[in-house]
mmCIF file of all heavy atoms, coordinates in Angstrom:
data_MODEL
# 
_entry.id   MODEL 
# 
loop_
_atom_site.group_PDB 
_atom_site.id 
_atom_site.type_symbol 
_atom_site.label_atom_id 
_atom_site.label_alt_id 
_atom_site.label_comp_id 
_atom_site.label_asym_id 
_atom_site.label_entity_id 
_atom_site.label_seq_id 
_atom_site.pdbx_PDB_ins_code 
_atom_site.Cartn_x 
_atom_site.Cartn_y 
_atom_site.Cartn_z 
_atom_site.occupancy 
_atom_site.B_iso_or_equiv 
_atom_site.pdbx_formal_charge 
_atom_site.auth_seq_id 
_atom_site.auth_comp_id 
_atom_site.auth_asym_id 
_atom_site.auth_atom_id 
_atom_site.pdbx_PDB_model_num 
ATOM 1   N N   . GLY A 1 1  ? -24.071 -12.349 5.465  1.00 0.00 ? 1  GLY A N   1 
ATOM 2   C CA  . GLY A 1 1  ? -23.758 -12.287 6.882  1.00 0.00 ? 1  GLY A CA  1 
ATOM 3   C C   . GLY A 1 1  ? -24.679 -13.157 7.715  1.00 0.00 ? 1  GLY A C   1 
ATOM 4   O O   . GLY A 1 1  ? -24.244 -13.838 8.650  1.00 0.00 ? 1  GLY A O   1 
ATOM 5   N N   . GLY A 1 2  ? -25.976 -13.143 7.375  1.00 0.00 ? 2  GLY A N   1 
ATOM 6   C CA  . GLY A 1 2  ? -26.930 -14.000 8.079  1.00 0.00 ? 2  GLY A CA  1 
ATOM 7   C C   . GLY A 1 2  ? -26.625 -15.475 7.878  1.00 0.00 ? 2  GLY A C   1 
ATOM 8   O O   . GLY A 1 2  ? -26.709 -16.274 8.822  1.00 0.00 ? 2  GLY A O   1 
ATOM 9   N N   . LEU A 1 3  ? -26.252 -15.847 6.667  1.00 0.00 ? 3  LEU A N   1 
ATOM 10  C CA  . LEU A 1 3  ? -25.864 -17.237 6.407  1.00 0.00 ? 3  LEU A CA  1 
ATOM 11  C C   . LEU A 1 3  ? -24.683 -17.630 7.289  1.00 0.00 ? 3  LEU A C   1 
ATOM 12  O O   . LEU A 1 3  ? -24.640 -18.734 7.852  1.00 0.00 ? 3  LEU A O   1 
ATOM 13  C CB  . LEU A 1 3  ? -25.500 -17.410 4.936  1.00 0.00 ? 3  LEU A CB  1 
ATOM 14  C CG  . LEU A 1 3  ? -26.659 -17.408 3.931  1.00 0.00 ? 3  LEU A CG  1 
ATOM 15  C CD1 . LEU A 1 3  ? -26.123 -17.322 2.504  1.00 0.00 ? 3  LEU A CD1 1 
ATOM 16  C CD2 . LEU A 1 3  ? -27.518 -18.649 4.091  1.00 0.00 ? 3  LEU A CD2 1 
ATOM 17  N N   . GLY A 1 4  ? -23.717 -16.716 7.419  1.00 0.00 ? 4  GLY A N   1 
ATOM 18  C CA  . GLY A 1 4  ? -22.563 -17.010 8.250  1.00 0.00 ? 4  GLY A CA  1 
ATOM 19  C C   . GLY A 1 4  ? -22.930 -17.259 9.692  1.00 0.00 ? 4  GLY A C   1 
ATOM 20  O O   . GLY A 1 4  ? -22.470 -18.218 10.321 1.00 0.00 ? 4  GLY A O   1 
ATOM 21  N N   . MET A 1 5  ? -23.780 -16.399 10.249 1.00 0.00 ? 5  MET A N   1 
ATOM 22  C CA  . MET A 1 5  ? -24.192 -16.565 11.642 1.00 0.00 ? 5  MET A CA  1 
ATOM 23  C C   . MET A 1 5  ? -25.024 -17.826 11.830 1.00 0.00 ? 5  MET A C   1 
ATOM 24  O O   . MET A 1 5  ? -24.950 -18.491 12.870 1.00 0.00 ? 5  MET A O   1 
ATOM 25  C CB  . MET A 1 5  ? -24.974 -15.343 12.102 1.00 0.00 ? 5  MET A CB  1 
ATOM 26  C CG  . MET A 1 5  ? -24.123 -14.102 12.230 1.00 0.00 ? 5  MET A CG  1 
ATOM 27  S SD  . MET A 1 5  ? -22.822 -14.248 13.477 1.00 0.00 ? 5  MET A SD  1 
ATOM 28  C CE  . MET A 1 5  ? -23.777 -13.991 14.978 1.00 0.00 ? 5  MET A CE  1 
ATOM 29  N N   . GLY A 1 6  ? -25.822 -18.180 10.824 1.00 0.00 ? 6  GLY A N   1 
ATOM 30  C CA  . GLY A 1 6  ? -26.604 -19.401 10.900 1.00 0.00 ? 6  GLY A CA  1 
ATOM 31  C C   . GLY A 1 6  ? -25.749 -20.648 10.912 1.00 0.00 ? 6  GLY A C   1 
ATOM 32  O O   . GLY A 1 6  ? -26.168 -21.696 11.419 1.00 0.00 ? 6  GLY A O   1 
ATOM 33  N N   . LEU A 1 7  ? -24.545 -20.561 10.359 1.00 0.00 ? 7  LEU A N   1 
ATOM 34  C CA  . LEU A 1 7  ? -23.602 -21.679 10.440 1.00 0.00 ? 7  LEU A CA  1 
ATOM 35  C C   . LEU A 1 7  ? -22.842 -21.686 11.761 1.00 0.00 ? 7  LEU A C   1 
ATOM 36  O O   . LEU A 1 7  ? -22.618 -22.743 12.356 1.00 0.00 ? 7  LEU A O   1 
ATOM 37  C CB  . LEU A 1 7  ? -22.592 -21.590 9.281  1.00 0.00 ? 7  LEU A CB  1 
ATOM 38  C CG  . LEU A 1 7  ? -23.130 -21.770 7.868  1.00 0.00 ? 7  LEU A CG  1 
ATOM 39  C CD1 . LEU A 1 7  ? -22.017 -21.546 6.851  1.00 0.00 ? 7  LEU A CD1 1 
ATOM 40  C CD2 . LEU A 1 7  ? -23.743 -23.150 7.681  1.00 0.00 ? 7  LEU A CD2 1 
ATOM 41  N N   . VAL A 1 8  ? -22.462 -20.502 12.228 1.00 0.00 ? 8  VAL A N   1 
ATOM 42  C CA  . VAL A 1 8  ? -21.587 -20.401 13.403 1.00 0.00 ? 8  VAL A CA  1 
ATOM 43  C C   . VAL A 1 8  ? -22.321 -20.711 14.703 1.00 0.00 ? 8  VAL A C   1 
ATOM 44  O O   . VAL A 1 8  ? -21.858 -21.538 15.515 1.00 0.00 ? 8  VAL A O   1 
ATOM 45  C CB  . VAL A 1 8  ? -20.949 -19.003 13.477 1.00 0.00 ? 8  VAL A CB  1 
ATOM 46  C CG1 . VAL A 1 8  ? -20.223 -18.811 14.812 1.00 0.00 ? 8  VAL A CG1 1 
ATOM 47  C CG2 . VAL A 1 8  ? -19.987 -18.801 12.314 1.00 0.00 ? 8  VAL A CG2 1 
ATOM 48  N N   . MET A 1 9  ? -23.441 -20.048 14.945 1.00 0.00 ? 9  MET A N   1 
ATOM 49  C CA  . MET A 1 9  ? -24.055 -20.102 16.269 1.00 0.00 ? 9  MET A CA  1 
ATOM 50  C C   . MET A 1 9  ? -24.526 -21.501 16.665 1.00 0.00 ? 9  MET A C   1 
ATOM 51  O O   . MET A 1 9  ? -24.207 -21.977 17.765 1.00 0.00 ? 9  MET A O   1 
ATOM 52  C CB  . MET A 1 9  ? -25.194 -19.087 16.353 1.00 0.00 ? 9  MET A CB  1 
ATOM 53  C CG  . MET A 1 9  ? -24.763 -17.648 16.094 1.00 0.00 ? 9  MET A CG  1 
ATOM 54  S SD  . MET A 1 9  ? -23.530 -17.069 17.272 1.00 0.00 ? 9  MET A SD  1 
ATOM 55  C CE  . MET A 1 9  ? -24.569 -16.105 18.357 1.00 0.00 ? 9  MET A CE  1 
ATOM 56  N N   . PRO A 1 10 ? -25.280 -22.228 15.834 1.00 0.00 ? 10 PRO A N   1 
ATOM 57  C CA  . PRO A 1 10 ? -25.655 -23.597 16.228 1.00 0.00 ? 10 PRO A CA  1 
ATOM 58  C C   . PRO A 1 10 ? -24.448 -24.519 16.365 1.00 0.00 ? 10 PRO A C   1 
ATOM 59  O O   . PRO A 1 10 ? -24.427 -25.400 17.243 1.00 0.00 ? 10 PRO A O   1 
ATOM 60  C CB  . PRO A 1 10 ? -26.580 -24.059 15.095 1.00 0.00 ? 10 PRO A CB  1 
ATOM 61  C CG  . PRO A 1 10 ? -27.054 -22.808 14.437 1.00 0.00 ? 10 PRO A CG  1 
ATOM 62  C CD  . PRO A 1 10 ? -25.920 -21.848 14.558 1.00 0.00 ? 10 PRO A CD  1 
ATOM 63  N N   . SER A 1 11 ? -23.429 -24.327 15.524 1.00 0.00 ? 11 SER A N   1 
ATOM 64  C CA  . SER A 1 11 ? -22.249 -25.195 15.587 1.00 0.00 ? 11 SER A CA  1 
ATOM 65  C C   . SER A 1 11 ? -21.517 -25.023 16.909 1.00 0.00 ? 11 SER A C   1 
ATOM 66  O O   . SER A 1 11 ? -21.052 -26.003 17.510 1.00 0.00 ? 11 SER A O   1 
ATOM 67  C CB  . SER A 1 11 ? -21.307 -24.885 14.424 1.00 0.00 ? 11 SER A CB  1 
ATOM 68  O OG  . SER A 1 11 ? -21.910 -25.207 13.179 1.00 0.00 ? 11 SER A OG  1 
ATOM 69  N N   . LEU A 1 12 ? -21.398 -23.781 17.379 1.00 0.00 ? 12 LEU A N   1 
ATOM 70  C CA  . LEU A 1 12 ? -20.733 -23.553 18.659 1.00 0.00 ? 12 LEU A CA  1 
ATOM 71  C C   . LEU A 1 12 ? -21.544 -24.153 19.811 1.00 0.00 ? 12 LEU A C   1 
ATOM 72  O O   . LEU A 1 12 ? -20.972 -24.653 20.782 1.00 0.00 ? 12 LEU A O   1 
ATOM 73  C CB  . LEU A 1 12 ? -20.524 -22.053 18.881 1.00 0.00 ? 12 LEU A CB  1 
ATOM 74  C CG  . LEU A 1 12 ? -19.516 -21.387 17.943 1.00 0.00 ? 12 LEU A CG  1 
ATOM 75  C CD1 . LEU A 1 12 ? -19.478 -19.885 18.183 1.00 0.00 ? 12 LEU A CD1 1 
ATOM 76  C CD2 . LEU A 1 12 ? -18.125 -21.987 18.111 1.00 0.00 ? 12 LEU A CD2 1 
ATOM 77  N N   . ALA A 1 13 ? -22.867 -24.100 19.705 1.00 0.00 ? 13 ALA A N   1 
ATOM 78  C CA  . ALA A 1 13 ? -23.703 -24.712 20.740 1.00 0.00 ? 13 ALA A CA  1 
ATOM 79  C C   . ALA A 1 13 ? -23.509 -26.218 20.784 1.00 0.00 ? 13 ALA A C   1 
ATOM 80  O O   . ALA A 1 13 ? -23.438 -26.826 21.862 1.00 0.00 ? 13 ALA A O   1 
ATOM 81  C CB  . ALA A 1 13 ? -25.173 -24.373 20.483 1.00 0.00 ? 13 ALA A CB  1 
ATOM 82  N N   . VAL A 1 14 ? -23.412 -26.843 19.612 1.00 0.00 ? 14 VAL A N   1 
ATOM 83  C CA  . VAL A 1 14 ? -23.166 -28.296 19.552 1.00 0.00 ? 14 VAL A CA  1 
ATOM 84  C C   . VAL A 1 14 ? -21.820 -28.623 20.184 1.00 0.00 ? 14 VAL A C   1 
ATOM 85  O O   . VAL A 1 14 ? -21.687 -29.570 20.975 1.00 0.00 ? 14 VAL A O   1 
ATOM 86  C CB  . VAL A 1 14 ? -23.217 -28.782 18.090 1.00 0.00 ? 14 VAL A CB  1 
ATOM 87  C CG1 . VAL A 1 14 ? -22.731 -30.221 17.986 1.00 0.00 ? 14 VAL A CG1 1 
ATOM 88  C CG2 . VAL A 1 14 ? -24.634 -28.662 17.538 1.00 0.00 ? 14 VAL A CG2 1 
ATOM 89  N N   . LEU A 1 15 ? -20.793 -27.842 19.837 1.00 0.00 ? 15 LEU A N   1 
ATOM 90  C CA  . LEU A 1 15 ? -19.471 -28.087 20.394 1.00 0.00 ? 15 LEU A CA  1 
ATOM 91  C C   . LEU A 1 15 ? -19.454 -27.895 21.903 1.00 0.00 ? 15 LEU A C   1 
ATOM 92  O O   . LEU A 1 15 ? -18.770 -28.631 22.631 1.00 0.00 ? 15 LEU A O   1 
ATOM 93  C CB  . LEU A 1 15 ? -18.449 -27.151 19.741 1.00 0.00 ? 15 LEU A CB  1 
ATOM 94  C CG  . LEU A 1 15 ? -18.079 -27.491 18.289 1.00 0.00 ? 15 LEU A CG  1 
ATOM 95  C CD1 . LEU A 1 15 ? -17.246 -26.378 17.684 1.00 0.00 ? 15 LEU A CD1 1 
ATOM 96  C CD2 . LEU A 1 15 ? -17.325 -28.813 18.217 1.00 0.00 ? 15 LEU A CD2 1 
ATOM 97  N N   . LEU A 1 16 ? -20.184 -26.923 22.395 1.00 0.00 ? 16 LEU A N   1 
ATOM 98  C CA  . LEU A 1 16 ? -20.241 -26.700 23.836 1.00 0.00 ? 16 LEU A CA  1 
ATOM 99  C C   . LEU A 1 16 ? -20.703 -27.964 24.562 1.00 0.00 ? 16 LEU A C   1 
ATOM 100 O O   . LEU A 1 16 ? -20.122 -28.366 25.573 1.00 0.00 ? 16 LEU A O   1 
ATOM 101 C CB  . LEU A 1 16 ? -21.174 -25.542 24.166 1.00 0.00 ? 16 LEU A CB  1 
ATOM 102 C CG  . LEU A 1 16 ? -21.331 -25.311 25.666 1.00 0.00 ? 16 LEU A CG  1 
ATOM 103 C CD1 . LEU A 1 16 ? -20.286 -24.338 26.165 1.00 0.00 ? 16 LEU A CD1 1 
ATOM 104 C CD2 . LEU A 1 16 ? -22.718 -24.841 26.026 1.00 0.00 ? 16 LEU A CD2 1 
ATOM 105 N N   . LEU A 1 17 ? -21.754 -28.589 24.054 1.00 0.00 ? 17 LEU A N   1 
ATOM 106 C CA  . LEU A 1 17 ? -22.257 -29.801 24.697 1.00 0.00 ? 17 LEU A CA  1 
ATOM 107 C C   . LEU A 1 17 ? -21.274 -30.955 24.556 1.00 0.00 ? 17 LEU A C   1 
ATOM 108 O O   . LEU A 1 17 ? -21.154 -31.789 25.451 1.00 0.00 ? 17 LEU A O   1 
ATOM 109 C CB  . LEU A 1 17 ? -23.615 -30.181 24.103 1.00 0.00 ? 17 LEU A CB  1 
ATOM 110 C CG  . LEU A 1 17 ? -24.755 -29.181 24.349 1.00 0.00 ? 17 LEU A CG  1 
ATOM 111 C CD1 . LEU A 1 17 ? -26.074 -29.736 23.822 1.00 0.00 ? 17 LEU A CD1 1 
ATOM 112 C CD2 . LEU A 1 17 ? -24.879 -28.845 25.825 1.00 0.00 ? 17 LEU A CD2 1 
ATOM 113 N N   . GLU A 1 18 ? -20.564 -31.024 23.440 1.00 0.00 ? 18 GLU A N   1 
ATOM 114 C CA  . GLU A 1 18 ? -19.565 -32.084 23.278 1.00 0.00 ? 18 GLU A CA  1 
ATOM 115 C C   . GLU A 1 18 ? -18.432 -31.935 24.289 1.00 0.00 ? 18 GLU A C   1 
ATOM 116 O O   . GLU A 1 18 ? -17.868 -32.928 24.754 1.00 0.00 ? 18 GLU A O   1 
ATOM 117 C CB  . GLU A 1 18 ? -18.987 -32.049 21.859 1.00 0.00 ? 18 GLU A CB  1 
ATOM 118 C CG  . GLU A 1 18 ? -19.955 -32.527 20.783 1.00 0.00 ? 18 GLU A CG  1 
ATOM 119 C CD  . GLU A 1 18 ? -19.298 -32.581 19.423 1.00 0.00 ? 18 GLU A CD  1 
ATOM 120 O OE1 . GLU A 1 18 ? -18.072 -32.315 19.331 1.00 0.00 ? 18 GLU A OE1 1 
ATOM 121 O OE2 . GLU A 1 18 ? -19.994 -32.878 18.445 1.00 0.00 ? 18 GLU A OE2 1 
ATOM 122 N N   . PHE A 1 19 ? -18.100 -30.693 24.621 1.00 0.00 ? 19 PHE A N   1 
ATOM 123 C CA  . PHE A 1 19 ? -16.986 -30.435 25.523 1.00 0.00 ? 19 PHE A CA  1 
ATOM 124 C C   . PHE A 1 19 ? -17.421 -30.288 26.976 1.00 0.00 ? 19 PHE A C   1 
ATOM 125 O O   . PHE A 1 19 ? -16.653 -29.815 27.809 1.00 0.00 ? 19 PHE A O   1 
ATOM 126 C CB  . PHE A 1 19 ? -16.249 -29.163 25.096 1.00 0.00 ? 19 PHE A CB  1 
ATOM 127 C CG  . PHE A 1 19 ? -15.636 -29.240 23.725 1.00 0.00 ? 19 PHE A CG  1 
ATOM 128 C CD1 . PHE A 1 19 ? -15.442 -28.090 22.986 1.00 0.00 ? 19 PHE A CD1 1 
ATOM 129 C CD2 . PHE A 1 19 ? -15.256 -30.447 23.180 1.00 0.00 ? 19 PHE A CD2 1 
ATOM 130 C CE1 . PHE A 1 19 ? -14.882 -28.150 21.722 1.00 0.00 ? 19 PHE A CE1 1 
ATOM 131 C CE2 . PHE A 1 19 ? -14.697 -30.517 21.926 1.00 0.00 ? 19 PHE A CE2 1 
ATOM 132 C CZ  . PHE A 1 19 ? -14.505 -29.366 21.184 1.00 0.00 ? 19 PHE A CZ  1 
ATOM 133 N N   . SER A 1 20 ? -18.656 -30.675 27.291 1.00 0.00 ? 20 SER A N   1 
ATOM 134 C CA  . SER A 1 20 ? -19.177 -30.531 28.652 1.00 0.00 ? 20 SER A CA  1 
ATOM 135 C C   . SER A 1 20 ? -19.599 -31.881 29.202 1.00 0.00 ? 20 SER A C   1 
ATOM 136 O O   . SER A 1 20 ? -19.869 -32.830 28.449 1.00 0.00 ? 20 SER A O   1 
ATOM 137 C CB  . SER A 1 20 ? -20.381 -29.582 28.668 1.00 0.00 ? 20 SER A CB  1 
ATOM 138 O OG  . SER A 1 20 ? -20.046 -28.301 28.209 1.00 0.00 ? 20 SER A OG  1 
ATOM 139 N N   . THR A 1 21 ? -19.666 -31.965 30.509 1.00 0.00 ? 21 THR A N   1 
ATOM 140 C CA  . THR A 1 21 ? -20.178 -33.151 31.192 1.00 0.00 ? 21 THR A CA  1 
ATOM 141 C C   . THR A 1 21 ? -21.484 -32.786 31.875 1.00 0.00 ? 21 THR A C   1 
ATOM 142 O O   . THR A 1 21 ? -21.877 -31.613 31.935 1.00 0.00 ? 21 THR A O   1 
ATOM 143 C CB  . THR A 1 21 ? -19.175 -33.633 32.246 1.00 0.00 ? 21 THR A CB  1 
ATOM 144 O OG1 . THR A 1 21 ? -19.124 -32.673 33.312 1.00 0.00 ? 21 THR A OG1 1 
ATOM 145 C CG2 . THR A 1 21 ? -17.782 -33.796 31.662 1.00 0.00 ? 21 THR A CG2 1 
ATOM 146 N N   . ASP A 1 22 ? -22.169 -33.774 32.425 1.00 0.00 ? 22 ASP A N   1 
ATOM 147 C CA  . ASP A 1 22 ? -23.388 -33.490 33.185 1.00 0.00 ? 22 ASP A CA  1 
ATOM 148 C C   . ASP A 1 22 ? -23.103 -32.536 34.343 1.00 0.00 ? 22 ASP A C   1 
ATOM 149 O O   . ASP A 1 22 ? -23.954 -31.764 34.748 1.00 0.00 ? 22 ASP A O   1 
ATOM 150 C CB  . ASP A 1 22 ? -23.975 -34.792 33.749 1.00 0.00 ? 22 ASP A CB  1 
ATOM 151 C CG  . ASP A 1 22 ? -24.751 -35.577 32.702 1.00 0.00 ? 22 ASP A CG  1 
ATOM 152 O OD1 . ASP A 1 22 ? -25.042 -34.999 31.639 1.00 0.00 ? 22 ASP A OD1 1 
ATOM 153 O OD2 . ASP A 1 22 ? -25.038 -36.760 32.945 1.00 0.00 ? 22 ASP A OD2 1 
ATOM 154 N N   . ALA A 1 23 ? -21.884 -32.622 34.880 1.00 0.00 ? 23 ALA A N   1 
ATOM 155 C CA  . ALA A 1 23 ? -21.564 -31.859 36.080 1.00 0.00 ? 23 ALA A CA  1 
ATOM 156 C C   . ALA A 1 23 ? -21.267 -30.395 35.813 1.00 0.00 ? 23 ALA A C   1 
ATOM 157 O O   . ALA A 1 23 ? -21.305 -29.581 36.737 1.00 0.00 ? 23 ALA A O   1 
ATOM 158 C CB  . ALA A 1 23 ? -20.370 -32.495 36.790 1.00 0.00 ? 23 ALA A CB  1 
ATOM 159 N N   . ASP A 1 24 ? -20.944 -30.022 34.568 1.00 0.00 ? 24 ASP A N   1 
ATOM 160 C CA  . ASP A 1 24 ? -20.573 -28.625 34.318 1.00 0.00 ? 24 ASP A CA  1 
ATOM 161 C C   . ASP A 1 24 ? -21.270 -28.028 33.104 1.00 0.00 ? 24 ASP A C   1 
ATOM 162 O O   . ASP A 1 24 ? -20.901 -26.963 32.624 1.00 0.00 ? 24 ASP A O   1 
ATOM 163 C CB  . ASP A 1 24 ? -19.056 -28.488 34.155 1.00 0.00 ? 24 ASP A CB  1 
ATOM 164 C CG  . ASP A 1 24 ? -18.523 -29.258 32.949 1.00 0.00 ? 24 ASP A CG  1 
ATOM 165 O OD1 . ASP A 1 24 ? -19.308 -29.881 32.226 1.00 0.00 ? 24 ASP A OD1 1 
ATOM 166 O OD2 . ASP A 1 24 ? -17.296 -29.239 32.746 1.00 0.00 ? 24 ASP A OD2 1 
ATOM 167 N N   . ARG A 1 25 ? -22.287 -28.705 32.601 1.00 0.00 ? 25 ARG A N   1 
ATOM 168 C CA  . ARG A 1 25 ? -22.985 -28.225 31.409 1.00 0.00 ? 25 ARG A CA  1 
ATOM 169 C C   . ARG A 1 25 ? -23.618 -26.851 31.643 1.00 0.00 ? 25 ARG A C   1 
ATOM 170 O O   . ARG A 1 25 ? -23.605 -25.986 30.769 1.00 0.00 ? 25 ARG A O   1 
ATOM 171 C CB  . ARG A 1 25 ? -24.054 -29.246 30.998 1.00 0.00 ? 25 ARG A CB  1 
ATOM 172 C CG  . ARG A 1 25 ? -24.649 -29.001 29.623 1.00 0.00 ? 25 ARG A CG  1 
ATOM 173 C CD  . ARG A 1 25 ? -25.672 -30.076 29.309 1.00 0.00 ? 25 ARG A CD  1 
ATOM 174 N NE  . ARG A 1 25 ? -25.044 -31.356 29.019 1.00 0.00 ? 25 ARG A NE  1 
ATOM 175 C CZ  . ARG A 1 25 ? -25.390 -32.506 29.570 1.00 0.00 ? 25 ARG A CZ  1 
ATOM 176 N NH1 . ARG A 1 25 ? -26.349 -32.539 30.483 1.00 0.00 ? 25 ARG A NH1 1 
ATOM 177 N NH2 . ARG A 1 25 ? -24.789 -33.629 29.242 1.00 0.00 ? 25 ARG A NH2 1 
ATOM 178 N N   . GLY A 1 26 ? -24.175 -26.652 32.836 1.00 0.00 ? 26 GLY A N   1 
ATOM 179 C CA  . GLY A 1 26 ? -24.811 -25.376 33.129 1.00 0.00 ? 26 GLY A CA  1 
ATOM 180 C C   . GLY A 1 26 ? -23.817 -24.239 33.205 1.00 0.00 ? 26 GLY A C   1 
ATOM 181 O O   . GLY A 1 26 ? -24.032 -23.165 32.632 1.00 0.00 ? 26 GLY A O   1 
ATOM 182 N N   . ARG A 1 27 ? -22.721 -24.453 33.917 1.00 0.00 ? 27 ARG A N   1 
ATOM 183 C CA  . ARG A 1 27 ? -21.700 -23.402 34.043 1.00 0.00 ? 27 ARG A CA  1 
ATOM 184 C C   . ARG A 1 27 ? -21.117 -23.053 32.683 1.00 0.00 ? 27 ARG A C   1 
ATOM 185 O O   . ARG A 1 27 ? -20.922 -21.872 32.352 1.00 0.00 ? 27 ARG A O   1 
ATOM 186 C CB  . ARG A 1 27 ? -20.590 -23.880 34.982 1.00 0.00 ? 27 ARG A CB  1 
ATOM 187 C CG  . ARG A 1 27 ? -19.400 -22.945 35.034 1.00 0.00 ? 27 ARG A CG  1 
ATOM 188 C CD  . ARG A 1 27 ? -18.349 -23.395 36.041 1.00 0.00 ? 27 ARG A CD  1 
ATOM 189 N NE  . ARG A 1 27 ? -18.769 -23.051 37.388 1.00 0.00 ? 27 ARG A NE  1 
ATOM 190 C CZ  . ARG A 1 27 ? -17.898 -22.831 38.391 1.00 0.00 ? 27 ARG A CZ  1 
ATOM 191 N NH1 . ARG A 1 27 ? -16.608 -22.915 38.170 1.00 0.00 ? 27 ARG A NH1 1 
ATOM 192 N NH2 . ARG A 1 27 ? -18.334 -22.535 39.595 1.00 0.00 ? 27 ARG A NH2 1 
ATOM 193 N N   . ASN A 1 28 ? -20.838 -24.067 31.863 1.00 0.00 ? 28 ASN A N   1 
ATOM 194 C CA  . ASN A 1 28 ? -20.271 -23.809 30.546 1.00 0.00 ? 28 ASN A CA  1 
ATOM 195 C C   . ASN A 1 28 ? -21.258 -23.076 29.644 1.00 0.00 ? 28 ASN A C   1 
ATOM 196 O O   . ASN A 1 28 ? -20.880 -22.190 28.875 1.00 0.00 ? 28 ASN A O   1 
ATOM 197 C CB  . ASN A 1 28 ? -19.845 -25.126 29.896 1.00 0.00 ? 28 ASN A CB  1 
ATOM 198 C CG  . ASN A 1 28 ? -18.700 -25.790 30.643 1.00 0.00 ? 28 ASN A CG  1 
ATOM 199 O OD1 . ASN A 1 28 ? -18.028 -25.167 31.462 1.00 0.00 ? 28 ASN A OD1 1 
ATOM 200 N ND2 . ASN A 1 28 ? -18.497 -27.071 30.375 1.00 0.00 ? 28 ASN A ND2 1 
ATOM 201 N N   . SER A 1 29 ? -22.533 -23.451 29.736 1.00 0.00 ? 29 SER A N   1 
ATOM 202 C CA  . SER A 1 29 ? -23.555 -22.764 28.936 1.00 0.00 ? 29 SER A CA  1 
ATOM 203 C C   . SER A 1 29 ? -23.664 -21.299 29.339 1.00 0.00 ? 29 SER A C   1 
ATOM 204 O O   . SER A 1 29 ? -23.830 -20.417 28.492 1.00 0.00 ? 29 SER A O   1 
ATOM 205 C CB  . SER A 1 29 ? -24.910 -23.457 29.113 1.00 0.00 ? 29 SER A CB  1 
ATOM 206 O OG  . SER A 1 29 ? -24.867 -24.800 28.681 1.00 0.00 ? 29 SER A OG  1 
# 
């Protein structure tokens, strides 16, 4: 289970930044 979360959580954070702009990075985070 820990291995799974270690794969999921950083990956979603990376995707969040890919799908954000300078103008909305804070709101999306």
